[in-house]
């Protein structure tokens, strides 16, 4: 029985690592992919009044190009949380101001830097 449970656990972890379960935690690589795709579409996000369809596009690209299955809503929620923590880090409210403790700081800094405050 233990071998079966272990095997099932490994299988479940495999699903999580591939992003197969939309309610699972976001693995680091999937999060980096989200940031990359959102960065590629930044010009569209800056021009759009309604961003819902753009998040659906992010979701589609994540699925088609990378095999991650997340809804547009989940992508938006994840990115908004990343952005909030980035802003806190930038303002020095989340610990060390250099951001080295925040693993996605460099990627978000490249996207937002000093010039933008728009999701």
PDB file of N, CA and C in Angstrom:
ATOM      1  N   UNK A   1       0.828  -1.204   0.000  1.00  0.00           N
ATOM      2  CA  UNK A   1       0.000   0.000   0.000  1.00  0.00           C
ATOM      3  C   UNK A   1       0.866   1.258   0.000  1.00  0.00           C
ATOM      4  N   UNK A   2       1.930   1.235   0.777  1.00  0.00           N
ATOM      5  CA  UNK A   2       2.816   2.393   0.828  1.00  0.00           C
ATOM      6  C   UNK A   2       3.421   2.683  -0.533  1.00  0.00           C
ATOM      7  N   UNK A   3       3.822   1.633  -1.253  1.00  0.00           N
ATOM      8  CA  UNK A   3       4.394   1.825  -2.587  1.00  0.00           C
ATOM      9  C   UNK A   3       3.368   2.465  -3.514  1.00  0.00           C
ATOM     10  N   UNK A   4       2.109   2.035  -3.402  1.00  0.00           N
ATOM     11  CA  UNK A   4       1.056   2.601  -4.230  1.00  0.00           C
ATOM     12  C   UNK A   4       0.845   4.077  -3.892  1.00  0.00           C
ATOM     13  N   UNK A   5       0.795   4.398  -2.602  1.00  0.00           N
ATOM     14  CA  UNK A   5       0.622   5.792  -2.203  1.00  0.00           C
ATOM     15  C   UNK A   5       1.790   6.645  -2.676  1.00  0.00           C
ATOM     16  N   UNK A   6       2.994   6.124  -2.523  1.00  0.00           N
ATOM     17  CA  UNK A   6       4.172   6.859  -2.965  1.00  0.00           C
ATOM     18  C   UNK A   6       4.119   7.094  -4.465  1.00  0.00           C
ATOM     19  N   UNK A   7       3.741   6.061  -5.190  1.00  0.00           N
ATOM     20  CA  UNK A   7       3.641   6.185  -6.639  1.00  0.00           C
ATOM     21  C   UNK A   7       2.588   7.223  -7.023  1.00  0.00           C
ATOM     22  N   UNK A   8       1.446   7.189  -6.336  1.00  0.00           N
ATOM     23  CA  UNK A   8       0.384   8.154  -6.616  1.00  0.00           C
ATOM     24  C   UNK A   8       0.844   9.569  -6.276  1.00  0.00           C
ATOM     25  N   UNK A   9       1.579   9.701  -5.176  1.00  0.00           N
ATOM     26  CA  UNK A   9       2.080  11.012  -4.781  1.00  0.00           C
ATOM     27  C   UNK A   9       3.051  11.560  -5.815  1.00  0.00           C
ATOM     28  N   UNK A  10       3.926  10.689  -6.305  1.00  0.00           N
ATOM     29  CA  UNK A  10       4.889  11.108  -7.323  1.00  0.00           C
ATOM     30  C   UNK A  10       4.144  11.534  -8.576  1.00  0.00           C
ATOM     31  N   UNK A  11       3.121  10.782  -8.936  1.00  0.00           N
ATOM     32  CA  UNK A  11       2.329  11.115 -10.113  1.00  0.00           C
ATOM     33  C   UNK A  11       1.652  12.473  -9.926  1.00  0.00           C
ATOM     34  N   UNK A  12       1.086  12.700  -8.748  1.00  0.00           N
ATOM     35  CA  UNK A  12       0.432  13.969  -8.471  1.00  0.00           C
ATOM     36  C   UNK A  12       1.434  15.115  -8.535  1.00  0.00           C
ATOM     37  N   UNK A  13       2.614  14.904  -7.961  1.00  0.00           N
ATOM     38  CA  UNK A  13       3.650  15.937  -8.011  1.00  0.00           C
ATOM     39  C   UNK A  13       4.047  16.223  -9.456  1.00  0.00           C
ATOM     40  N   UNK A  14       4.076  15.193 -10.263  1.00  0.00           N
ATOM     41  CA  UNK A  14       4.401  15.376 -11.673  1.00  0.00           C
ATOM     42  C   UNK A  14       3.400  16.288 -12.353  1.00  0.00           C
ATOM     43  N   UNK A  15       2.128  16.098 -12.046  1.00  0.00           N
ATOM     44  CA  UNK A  15       1.099  16.965 -12.606  1.00  0.00           C
ATOM     45  C   UNK A  15       1.319  18.407 -12.169  1.00  0.00           C
ATOM     46  N   UNK A  16       1.627  18.596 -10.891  1.00  0.00           N
ATOM     47  CA  UNK A  16       1.844  19.945 -10.395  1.00  0.00           C
ATOM     48  C   UNK A  16       3.038  20.596 -11.080  1.00  0.00           C
ATOM     49  N   UNK A  17       4.091  19.840 -11.287  1.00  0.00           N
ATOM     50  CA  UNK A  17       5.286  20.407 -11.900  1.00  0.00           C
ATOM     51  C   UNK A  17       5.042  20.800 -13.353  1.00  0.00           C
ATOM     52  N   UNK A  18       4.128  20.124 -14.000  1.00  0.00           N
ATOM     53  CA  UNK A  18       3.816  20.458 -15.389  1.00  0.00           C
ATOM     54  C   UNK A  18       2.745  21.541 -15.479  1.00  0.00           C
ATOM     55  N   UNK A  19       2.214  21.943 -14.335  1.00  0.00           N
ATOM     56  CA  UNK A  19       1.164  22.956 -14.359  1.00  0.00           C
ATOM     57  C   UNK A  19      -0.153  22.387 -14.850  1.00  0.00           C
ATOM     58  N   UNK A  20      -0.328  21.075 -14.743  1.00  0.00           N
ATOM     59  CA  UNK A  20      -1.525  20.431 -15.245  1.00  0.00           C
ATOM     60  C   UNK A  20      -2.755  20.713 -14.417  1.00  0.00           C
ATOM     61  N   UNK A  21      -2.568  21.054 -13.167  1.00  0.00           N
ATOM     62  CA  UNK A  21      -3.684  21.320 -12.282  1.00  0.00           C
ATOM     63  C   UNK A  21      -3.790  22.821 -12.075  1.00  0.00           C
ATOM     64  N   UNK A  22      -4.863  23.418 -12.543  1.00  0.00           N
ATOM     65  CA  UNK A  22      -4.960  24.877 -12.520  1.00  0.00           C
ATOM     66  C   UNK A  22      -5.068  25.440 -11.110  1.00  0.00           C
ATOM     67  N   UNK A  23      -5.318  24.599 -10.108  1.00  0.00           N
ATOM     68  CA  UNK A  23      -5.395  25.114  -8.747  1.00  0.00           C
ATOM     69  C   UNK A  23      -4.093  24.882  -7.986  1.00  0.00           C
ATOM     70  N   UNK A  24      -3.108  24.266  -8.617  1.00  0.00           N
ATOM     71  CA  UNK A  24      -1.849  23.966  -7.937  1.00  0.00           C
ATOM     72  C   UNK A  24      -0.957  25.192  -7.851  1.00  0.00           C
ATOM     73  N   UNK A  25       0.074  25.064  -7.040  1.00  0.00           N
ATOM     74  CA  UNK A  25       1.074  26.129  -6.952  1.00  0.00           C
ATOM     75  C   UNK A  25       1.754  26.299  -8.304  1.00  0.00           C
ATOM     76  N   UNK A  26       2.262  27.476  -8.537  1.00  0.00           N
ATOM     77  CA  UNK A  26       2.968  27.767  -9.786  1.00  0.00           C
ATOM     78  C   UNK A  26       4.440  27.426  -9.617  1.00  0.00           C
ATOM     79  N   UNK A  27       4.944  26.443 -10.340  1.00  0.00           N
ATOM     80  CA  UNK A  27       6.385  26.174 -10.303  1.00  0.00           C
ATOM     81  C   UNK A  27       7.153  27.379 -10.850  1.00  0.00           C
ATOM     82  N   UNK A  28       8.411  27.486 -10.471  1.00  0.00           N
ATOM     83  CA  UNK A  28       9.239  28.634 -10.863  1.00  0.00           C
ATOM     84  C   UNK A  28       9.270  28.826 -12.379  1.00  0.00           C
ATOM     85  N   UNK A  29       9.468  27.741 -13.128  1.00  0.00           N
ATOM     86  CA  UNK A  29       9.580  27.872 -14.582  1.00  0.00           C
ATOM     87  C   UNK A  29       8.277  28.363 -15.206  1.00  0.00           C
ATOM     88  N   UNK A  30       7.156  27.911 -14.678  1.00  0.00           N
ATOM     89  CA  UNK A  30       5.863  28.367 -15.194  1.00  0.00           C
ATOM     90  C   UNK A  30       5.665  29.859 -14.903  1.00  0.00           C
ATOM     91  N   UNK A  31       6.093  30.288 -13.727  1.00  0.00           N
ATOM     92  CA  UNK A  31       5.997  31.702 -13.371  1.00  0.00           C
ATOM     93  C   UNK A  31       6.885  32.547 -14.277  1.00  0.00           C
ATOM     94  N   UNK A  32       8.091  32.074 -14.541  1.00  0.00           N
ATOM     95  CA  UNK A  32       8.986  32.792 -15.462  1.00  0.00           C
ATOM     96  C   UNK A  32       8.379  32.870 -16.859  1.00  0.00           C
ATOM     97  N   UNK A  33       7.715  31.791 -17.281  1.00  0.00           N
ATOM     98  CA  UNK A  33       7.045  31.774 -18.586  1.00  0.00           C
ATOM     99  C   UNK A  33       5.930  32.814 -18.617  1.00  0.00           C
ATOM    100  N   UNK A  34       5.147  32.879 -17.541  1.00  0.00           N
ATOM    101  CA  UNK A  34       4.079  33.877 -17.450  1.00  0.00           C
ATOM    102  C   UNK A  34       4.653  35.291 -17.583  1.00  0.00           C
ATOM    103  N   UNK A  35       5.712  35.582 -16.845  1.00  0.00           N
ATOM    104  CA  UNK A  35       6.331  36.908 -16.902  1.00  0.00           C
ATOM    105  C   UNK A  35       6.847  37.196 -18.312  1.00  0.00           C
ATOM    106  N   UNK A  36       7.446  36.198 -18.932  1.00  0.00           N
ATOM    107  CA  UNK A  36       7.982  36.377 -20.287  1.00  0.00           C
ATOM    108  C   UNK A  36       6.871  36.695 -21.288  1.00  0.00           C
ATOM    109  N   UNK A  37       5.795  35.930 -21.241  1.00  0.00           N
ATOM    110  CA  UNK A  37       4.688  36.146 -22.183  1.00  0.00           C
ATOM    111  C   UNK A  37       4.033  37.501 -21.923  1.00  0.00           C
ATOM    112  N   UNK A  38       3.814  37.817 -20.648  1.00  0.00           N
ATOM    113  CA  UNK A  38       3.215  39.118 -20.301  1.00  0.00           C
ATOM    114  C   UNK A  38       4.119  40.263 -20.788  1.00  0.00           C
ATOM    115  N   UNK A  39       5.424  40.080 -20.687  1.00  0.00           N
ATOM    116  CA  UNK A  39       6.374  41.094 -21.165  1.00  0.00           C
ATOM    117  C   UNK A  39       6.294  41.250 -22.677  1.00  0.00           C
ATOM    118  N   UNK A  40       6.185  40.119 -23.382  1.00  0.00           N
ATOM    119  CA  UNK A  40       6.084  40.162 -24.847  1.00  0.00           C
ATOM    120  C   UNK A  40       4.837  40.913 -25.300  1.00  0.00           C
ATOM    121  N   UNK A  41       3.778  40.840 -24.507  1.00  0.00           N
ATOM    122  CA  UNK A  41       2.512  41.477 -24.870  1.00  0.00           C
ATOM    123  C   UNK A  41       2.326  42.837 -24.195  1.00  0.00           C
ATOM    124  N   UNK A  42       3.379  43.348 -23.574  1.00  0.00           N
ATOM    125  CA  UNK A  42       3.259  44.581 -22.789  1.00  0.00           C
ATOM    126  C   UNK A  42       2.669  45.731 -23.598  1.00  0.00           C
ATOM    127  N   UNK A  43       3.092  45.878 -24.845  1.00  0.00           N
ATOM    128  CA  UNK A  43       2.571  46.976 -25.674  1.00  0.00           C
ATOM    129  C   UNK A  43       1.056  46.876 -25.835  1.00  0.00           C
ATOM    130  N   UNK A  44       0.533  45.653 -25.938  1.00  0.00           N
ATOM    131  CA  UNK A  44      -0.920  45.471 -26.062  1.00  0.00           C
ATOM    132  C   UNK A  44      -1.619  45.830 -24.751  1.00  0.00           C
ATOM    133  N   UNK A  45      -1.002  45.429 -23.616  1.00  0.00           N
ATOM    134  CA  UNK A  45      -1.599  45.742 -22.318  1.00  0.00           C
ATOM    135  C   UNK A  45      -1.645  47.249 -22.083  1.00  0.00           C
ATOM    136  N   UNK A  46      -0.646  47.962 -22.537  1.00  0.00           N
ATOM    137  CA  UNK A  46      -0.613  49.418 -22.351  1.00  0.00           C
ATOM    138  C   UNK A  46      -1.689  50.112 -23.180  1.00  0.00           C
ATOM    139  N   UNK A  47      -2.058  49.530 -24.309  1.00  0.00           N
ATOM    140  CA  UNK A  47      -3.031  50.149 -25.210  1.00  0.00           C
ATOM    141  C   UNK A  47      -4.472  49.732 -24.916  1.00  0.00           C
ATOM    142  N   UNK A  48      -4.666  48.594 -24.263  1.00  0.00           N
ATOM    143  CA  UNK A  48      -6.008  48.025 -24.109  1.00  0.00           C
ATOM    144  C   UNK A  48      -6.768  48.635 -22.936  1.00  0.00           C
ATOM    145  N   UNK A  49      -8.052  48.911 -23.171  1.00  0.00           N
ATOM    146  CA  UNK A  49      -8.934  49.336 -22.085  1.00  0.00           C
ATOM    147  C   UNK A  49      -9.447  48.123 -21.320  1.00  0.00           C
ATOM    148  N   UNK A  50      -9.744  47.065 -22.052  1.00  0.00           N
ATOM    149  CA  UNK A  50     -10.235  45.829 -21.446  1.00  0.00           C
ATOM    150  C   UNK A  50      -9.144  44.775 -21.572  1.00  0.00           C
ATOM    151  N   UNK A  51      -8.627  44.357 -20.433  1.00  0.00           N
ATOM    152  CA  UNK A  51      -7.478  43.459 -20.456  1.00  0.00           C
ATOM    153  C   UNK A  51      -7.852  41.980 -20.369  1.00  0.00           C
ATOM    154  N   UNK A  52      -9.117  41.674 -20.101  1.00  0.00           N
ATOM    155  CA  UNK A  52      -9.555  40.279 -19.992  1.00  0.00           C
ATOM    156  C   UNK A  52      -9.166  39.435 -21.195  1.00  0.00           C
ATOM    157  N   UNK A  53      -9.473  39.900 -22.414  1.00  0.00           N
ATOM    158  CA  UNK A  53      -9.089  39.118 -23.598  1.00  0.00           C
ATOM    159  C   UNK A  53      -7.574  38.942 -23.728  1.00  0.00           C
ATOM    160  N   UNK A  54      -6.799  39.911 -23.252  1.00  0.00           N
ATOM    161  CA  UNK A  54      -5.340  39.779 -23.314  1.00  0.00           C
ATOM    162  C   UNK A  54      -4.858  38.688 -22.366  1.00  0.00           C
ATOM    163  N   UNK A  55      -5.493  38.587 -21.192  1.00  0.00           N
ATOM    164  CA  UNK A  55      -5.110  37.512 -20.267  1.00  0.00           C
ATOM    165  C   UNK A  55      -5.495  36.155 -20.845  1.00  0.00           C
ATOM    166  N   UNK A  56      -6.603  36.106 -21.590  1.00  0.00           N
ATOM    167  CA  UNK A  56      -6.962  34.857 -22.277  1.00  0.00           C
ATOM    168  C   UNK A  56      -5.910  34.512 -23.326  1.00  0.00           C
ATOM    169  N   UNK A  57      -5.362  35.535 -23.980  1.00  0.00           N
ATOM    170  CA  UNK A  57      -4.297  35.305 -24.957  1.00  0.00           C
ATOM    171  C   UNK A  57      -3.035  34.786 -24.264  1.00  0.00           C
ATOM    172  N   UNK A  58      -2.711  35.354 -23.100  1.00  0.00           N
ATOM    173  CA  UNK A  58      -1.568  34.865 -22.319  1.00  0.00           C
ATOM    174  C   UNK A  58      -1.779  33.390 -21.993  1.00  0.00           C
ATOM    175  N   UNK A  59      -2.983  33.054 -21.539  1.00  0.00           N
ATOM    176  CA  UNK A  59      -3.320  31.671 -21.199  1.00  0.00           C
ATOM    177  C   UNK A  59      -3.164  30.750 -22.409  1.00  0.00           C
ATOM    178  N   UNK A  60      -3.653  31.209 -23.560  1.00  0.00           N
ATOM    179  CA  UNK A  60      -3.564  30.408 -24.788  1.00  0.00           C
ATOM    180  C   UNK A  60      -2.107  30.159 -25.170  1.00  0.00           C
ATOM    181  N   UNK A  61      -1.286  31.195 -25.128  1.00  0.00           N
ATOM    182  CA  UNK A  61       0.134  31.052 -25.480  1.00  0.00           C
ATOM    183  C   UNK A  61       0.829  30.108 -24.501  1.00  0.00           C
ATOM    184  N   UNK A  62       0.500  30.241 -23.224  1.00  0.00           N
ATOM    185  CA  UNK A  62       1.115  29.348 -22.229  1.00  0.00           C
ATOM    186  C   UNK A  62       0.782  27.895 -22.539  1.00  0.00           C
ATOM    187  N   UNK A  63      -0.455  27.660 -22.976  1.00  0.00           N
ATOM    188  CA  UNK A  63      -0.865  26.302 -23.308  1.00  0.00           C
ATOM    189  C   UNK A  63      -0.265  25.800 -24.604  1.00  0.00           C
ATOM    190  N   UNK A  64      -0.366  26.612 -25.657  1.00  0.00           N
ATOM    191  CA  UNK A  64       0.088  26.173 -26.984  1.00  0.00           C
ATOM    192  C   UNK A  64       1.605  26.080 -27.095  1.00  0.00           C
ATOM    193  N   UNK A  65       2.318  27.035 -26.531  1.00  0.00           N
ATOM    194  CA  UNK A  65       3.774  27.070 -26.694  1.00  0.00           C
ATOM    195  C   UNK A  65       4.531  26.342 -25.586  1.00  0.00           C
ATOM    196  N   UNK A  66       3.890  26.215 -24.409  1.00  0.00           N
ATOM    197  CA  UNK A  66       4.635  25.684 -23.265  1.00  0.00           C
ATOM    198  C   UNK A  66       3.933  24.535 -22.547  1.00  0.00           C
ATOM    199  N   UNK A  67       2.687  24.244 -22.897  1.00  0.00           N
ATOM    200  CA  UNK A  67       1.972  23.119 -22.302  1.00  0.00           C
ATOM    201  C   UNK A  67       1.401  23.371 -20.916  1.00  0.00           C
ATOM    202  N   UNK A  68       1.360  24.624 -20.470  1.00  0.00           N
ATOM    203  CA  UNK A  68       0.790  24.945 -19.159  1.00  0.00           C
ATOM    204  C   UNK A  68      -0.696  25.222 -19.321  1.00  0.00           C
ATOM    205  N   UNK A  69      -1.490  24.685 -18.410  1.00  0.00           N
ATOM    206  CA  UNK A  69      -2.934  24.866 -18.478  1.00  0.00           C
ATOM    207  C   UNK A  69      -3.401  25.759 -17.338  1.00  0.00           C
ATOM    208  N   UNK A  70      -3.505  27.029 -17.608  1.00  0.00           N
ATOM    209  CA  UNK A  70      -4.020  28.004 -16.641  1.00  0.00           C
ATOM    210  C   UNK A  70      -5.025  28.893 -17.362  1.00  0.00           C
ATOM    211  N   UNK A  71      -6.088  29.248 -16.672  1.00  0.00           N
ATOM    212  CA  UNK A  71      -7.073  30.147 -17.271  1.00  0.00           C
ATOM    213  C   UNK A  71      -6.500  31.561 -17.334  1.00  0.00           C
ATOM    214  N   UNK A  72      -7.127  32.386 -18.161  1.00  0.00           N
ATOM    215  CA  UNK A  72      -6.725  33.784 -18.223  1.00  0.00           C
ATOM    216  C   UNK A  72      -6.856  34.447 -16.863  1.00  0.00           C
ATOM    217  N   UNK A  73      -7.914  34.081 -16.139  1.00  0.00           N
ATOM    218  CA  UNK A  73      -8.139  34.640 -14.804  1.00  0.00           C
ATOM    219  C   UNK A  73      -7.008  34.259 -13.857  1.00  0.00           C
ATOM    220  N   UNK A  74      -6.590  33.000 -13.885  1.00  0.00           N
ATOM    221  CA  UNK A  74      -5.489  32.540 -13.017  1.00  0.00           C
ATOM    222  C   UNK A  74      -4.182  33.245 -13.380  1.00  0.00           C
ATOM    223  N   UNK A  75      -3.950  33.443 -14.675  1.00  0.00           N
ATOM    224  CA  UNK A  75      -2.741  34.154 -15.116  1.00  0.00           C
ATOM    225  C   UNK A  75      -2.752  35.587 -14.597  1.00  0.00           C
ATOM    226  N   UNK A  76      -3.904  36.236 -14.716  1.00  0.00           N
ATOM    227  CA  UNK A  76      -4.030  37.620 -14.241  1.00  0.00           C
ATOM    228  C   UNK A  76      -3.803  37.690 -12.735  1.00  0.00           C
ATOM    229  N   UNK A  77      -4.454  36.787 -11.985  1.00  0.00           N
ATOM    230  CA  UNK A  77      -4.310  36.794 -10.527  1.00  0.00           C
ATOM    231  C   UNK A  77      -2.858  36.575 -10.116  1.00  0.00           C
ATOM    232  N   UNK A  78      -2.201  35.621 -10.757  1.00  0.00           N
ATOM    233  CA  UNK A  78      -0.807  35.337 -10.427  1.00  0.00           C
ATOM    234  C   UNK A  78       0.070  36.546 -10.733  1.00  0.00           C
ATOM    235  N   UNK A  79      -0.124  37.134 -11.904  1.00  0.00           N
ATOM    236  CA  UNK A  79       0.709  38.270 -12.284  1.00  0.00           C
ATOM    237  C   UNK A  79       0.461  39.462 -11.369  1.00  0.00           C
ATOM    238  N   UNK A  80      -0.792  39.700 -11.004  1.00  0.00           N
ATOM    239  CA  UNK A  80      -1.092  40.812 -10.099  1.00  0.00           C
ATOM    240  C   UNK A  80      -0.405  40.614  -8.753  1.00  0.00           C
ATOM    241  N   UNK A  81      -0.393  39.372  -8.265  1.00  0.00           N
ATOM    242  CA  UNK A  81       0.298  39.088  -7.005  1.00  0.00           C
ATOM    243  C   UNK A  81       1.804  39.290  -7.137  1.00  0.00           C
ATOM    244  N   UNK A  82       2.369  38.848  -8.249  1.00  0.00           N
ATOM    245  CA  UNK A  82       3.798  39.067  -8.498  1.00  0.00           C
ATOM    246  C   UNK A  82       4.107  40.563  -8.519  1.00  0.00           C
ATOM    247  N   UNK A  83       3.250  41.310  -9.196  1.00  0.00           N
ATOM    248  CA  UNK A  83       3.459  42.749  -9.334  1.00  0.00           C
ATOM    249  C   UNK A  83       3.358  43.452  -7.977  1.00  0.00           C
ATOM    250  N   UNK A  84       2.364  43.051  -7.175  1.00  0.00           N
ATOM    251  CA  UNK A  84       2.209  43.654  -5.848  1.00  0.00           C
ATOM    252  C   UNK A  84       3.453  43.422  -5.003  1.00  0.00           C
ATOM    253  N   UNK A  85       3.974  42.210  -5.037  1.00  0.00           N
ATOM    254  CA  UNK A  85       5.159  41.909  -4.240  1.00  0.00           C
ATOM    255  C   UNK A  85       6.380  42.643  -4.798  1.00  0.00           C
ATOM    256  N   UNK A  86       6.445  42.772  -6.099  1.00  0.00           N
ATOM    257  CA  UNK A  86       7.522  43.548  -6.734  1.00  0.00           C
ATOM    258  C   UNK A  86       7.483  44.988  -6.228  1.00  0.00           C
ATOM    259  N   UNK A  87       6.287  45.588  -6.224  1.00  0.00           N
ATOM    260  CA  UNK A  87       6.156  46.974  -5.775  1.00  0.00           C
ATOM    261  C   UNK A  87       6.552  47.112  -4.308  1.00  0.00           C
ATOM    262  N   UNK A  88       6.131  46.166  -3.464  1.00  0.00           N
ATOM    263  CA  UNK A  88       6.506  46.200  -2.047  1.00  0.00           C
ATOM    264  C   UNK A  88       8.017  46.097  -1.897  1.00  0.00           C
ATOM    265  N   UNK A  89       8.611  45.215  -2.675  1.00  0.00           N
ATOM    266  CA  UNK A  89      10.061  45.037  -2.624  1.00  0.00           C
ATOM    267  C   UNK A  89      10.751  46.324  -3.056  1.00  0.00           C
ATOM    268  N   UNK A  90      10.251  46.910  -4.117  1.00  0.00           N
ATOM    269  CA  UNK A  90      10.827  48.140  -4.665  1.00  0.00           C
ATOM    270  C   UNK A  90      10.747  49.279  -3.648  1.00  0.00           C
ATOM    271  N   UNK A  91       9.638  49.332  -2.930  1.00  0.00           N
ATOM    272  CA  UNK A  91       9.429  50.395  -1.948  1.00  0.00           C
ATOM    273  C   UNK A  91      10.104  50.077  -0.613  1.00  0.00           C
ATOM    274  N   UNK A  92      10.745  48.925  -0.518  1.00  0.00           N
ATOM    275  CA  UNK A  92      11.451  48.560   0.697  1.00  0.00           C
ATOM    276  C   UNK A  92      10.563  48.036   1.802  1.00  0.00           C
ATOM    277  N   UNK A  93       9.320  47.664   1.473  1.00  0.00           N
ATOM    278  CA  UNK A  93       8.381  47.192   2.490  1.00  0.00           C
ATOM    279  C   UNK A  93       8.396  45.677   2.644  1.00  0.00           C
ATOM    280  N   UNK A  94       9.154  45.000   1.810  1.00  0.00           N
ATOM    281  CA  UNK A  94       9.136  43.537   1.849  1.00  0.00           C
ATOM    282  C   UNK A  94      10.507  42.979   2.207  1.00  0.00           C
ATOM    283  N   UNK A  95      11.263  43.730   2.985  1.00  0.00           N
ATOM    284  CA  UNK A  95      12.575  43.224   3.373  1.00  0.00           C
ATOM    285  C   UNK A  95      13.682  44.014   2.709  1.00  0.00           C
ATOM    286  N   UNK A  96      14.718  43.348   2.301  1.00  0.00           N
ATOM    287  CA  UNK A  96      15.879  44.018   1.699  1.00  0.00           C
ATOM    288  C   UNK A  96      15.487  44.745   0.422  1.00  0.00           C
ATOM    289  N   UNK A  97      15.866  45.977   0.325  1.00  0.00           N
ATOM    290  CA  UNK A  97      15.442  46.814  -0.799  1.00  0.00           C
ATOM    291  C   UNK A  97      16.090  46.416  -2.118  1.00  0.00           C
ATOM    292  N   UNK A  98      17.213  45.724  -2.068  1.00  0.00           N
ATOM    293  CA  UNK A  98      17.858  45.367  -3.334  1.00  0.00           C
ATOM    294  C   UNK A  98      17.097  44.278  -4.082  1.00  0.00           C
ATOM    295  N   UNK A  99      16.109  43.680  -3.428  1.00  0.00           N
ATOM    296  CA  UNK A  99      15.249  42.720  -4.111  1.00  0.00           C
ATOM    297  C   UNK A  99      15.875  41.366  -4.340  1.00  0.00           C
ATOM    298  N   UNK A 100      17.062  41.127  -3.822  1.00  0.00           N
ATOM    299  CA  UNK A 100      17.726  39.860  -4.105  1.00  0.00           C
ATOM    300  C   UNK A 100      16.995  38.673  -3.490  1.00  0.00           C
ATOM    301  N   UNK A 101      16.196  38.922  -2.476  1.00  0.00           N
ATOM    302  CA  UNK A 101      15.456  37.823  -1.865  1.00  0.00           C
ATOM    303  C   UNK A 101      14.205  37.468  -2.677  1.00  0.00           C
ATOM    304  N   UNK A 102      13.781  38.334  -3.560  1.00  0.00           N
ATOM    305  CA  UNK A 102      12.579  38.081  -4.352  1.00  0.00           C
ATOM    306  C   UNK A 102      13.005  37.532  -5.708  1.00  0.00           C
ATOM    307  N   UNK A 103      12.703  36.274  -5.925  1.00  0.00           N
ATOM    308  CA  UNK A 103      13.267  35.558  -7.074  1.00  0.00           C
ATOM    309  C   UNK A 103      12.851  36.098  -8.438  1.00  0.00           C
ATOM    310  N   UNK A 104      11.763  36.839  -8.533  1.00  0.00           N
ATOM    311  CA  UNK A 104      11.305  37.341  -9.835  1.00  0.00           C
ATOM    312  C   UNK A 104      11.547  38.843  -9.997  1.00  0.00           C
ATOM    313  N   UNK A 105      12.279  39.428  -9.066  1.00  0.00           N
ATOM    314  CA  UNK A 105      12.482  40.878  -9.088  1.00  0.00           C
ATOM    315  C   UNK A 105      13.145  41.343 -10.379  1.00  0.00           C
ATOM    316  N   UNK A 106      14.214  40.674 -10.784  1.00  0.00           N
ATOM    317  CA  UNK A 106      14.949  41.088 -11.990  1.00  0.00           C
ATOM    318  C   UNK A 106      14.048  41.118 -13.216  1.00  0.00           C
ATOM    319  N   UNK A 107      13.220  40.088 -13.378  1.00  0.00           N
ATOM    320  CA  UNK A 107      12.349  40.007 -14.548  1.00  0.00           C
ATOM    321  C   UNK A 107      11.310  41.135 -14.535  1.00  0.00           C
ATOM    322  N   UNK A 108      10.739  41.397 -13.362  1.00  0.00           N
ATOM    323  CA  UNK A 108       9.740  42.452 -13.272  1.00  0.00           C
ATOM    324  C   UNK A 108      10.380  43.833 -13.372  1.00  0.00           C
ATOM    325  N   UNK A 109      11.580  43.968 -12.853  1.00  0.00           N
ATOM    326  CA  UNK A 109      12.307  45.236 -12.974  1.00  0.00           C
ATOM    327  C   UNK A 109      12.591  45.536 -14.445  1.00  0.00           C
ATOM    328  N   UNK A 110      12.907  44.508 -15.213  1.00  0.00           N
ATOM    329  CA  UNK A 110      13.155  44.691 -16.648  1.00  0.00           C
ATOM    330  C   UNK A 110      11.886  45.169 -17.349  1.00  0.00           C
ATOM    331  N   UNK A 111      10.740  44.684 -16.890  1.00  0.00           N
ATOM    332  CA  UNK A 111       9.469  45.060 -17.507  1.00  0.00           C
ATOM    333  C   UNK A 111       9.020  46.450 -17.058  1.00  0.00           C
ATOM    334  N   UNK A 112       9.121  46.735 -15.764  1.00  0.00           N
ATOM    335  CA  UNK A 112       8.563  47.973 -15.230  1.00  0.00           C
ATOM    336  C   UNK A 112       9.586  49.047 -14.904  1.00  0.00           C
ATOM    337  N   UNK A 113      10.737  48.654 -14.393  1.00  0.00           N
ATOM    338  CA  UNK A 113      11.762  49.640 -14.056  1.00  0.00           C
ATOM    339  C   UNK A 113      11.189  50.831 -13.322  1.00  0.00           C
ATOM    340  N   UNK A 114      11.578  52.007 -13.718  1.00  0.00           N
ATOM    341  CA  UNK A 114      11.109  53.240 -13.075  1.00  0.00           C
ATOM    342  C   UNK A 114       9.980  53.905 -13.858  1.00  0.00           C
ATOM    343  N   UNK A 115       9.724  53.435 -15.065  1.00  0.00           N
ATOM    344  CA  UNK A 115       8.892  54.232 -15.973  1.00  0.00           C
ATOM    345  C   UNK A 115       7.412  53.892 -15.969  1.00  0.00           C
ATOM    346  N   UNK A 116       7.015  52.730 -15.455  1.00  0.00           N
ATOM    347  CA  UNK A 116       5.619  52.335 -15.607  1.00  0.00           C
ATOM    348  C   UNK A 116       5.042  51.874 -14.286  1.00  0.00           C
ATOM    349  N   UNK A 117       3.753  52.112 -14.104  1.00  0.00           N
ATOM    350  CA  UNK A 117       3.066  51.579 -12.934  1.00  0.00           C
ATOM    351  C   UNK A 117       1.753  50.926 -13.353  1.00  0.00           C
ATOM    352  N   UNK A 118       1.684  50.512 -14.581  1.00  0.00           N
ATOM    353  CA  UNK A 118       0.445  49.979 -15.136  1.00  0.00           C
ATOM    354  C   UNK A 118       0.544  48.477 -15.355  1.00  0.00           C
ATOM    355  N   UNK A 119      -0.471  47.752 -14.843  1.00  0.00           N
ATOM    356  CA  UNK A 119      -0.570  46.328 -15.137  1.00  0.00           C
ATOM    357  C   UNK A 119      -1.199  46.206 -16.488  1.00  0.00           C
TER     358      UNK A 119
END
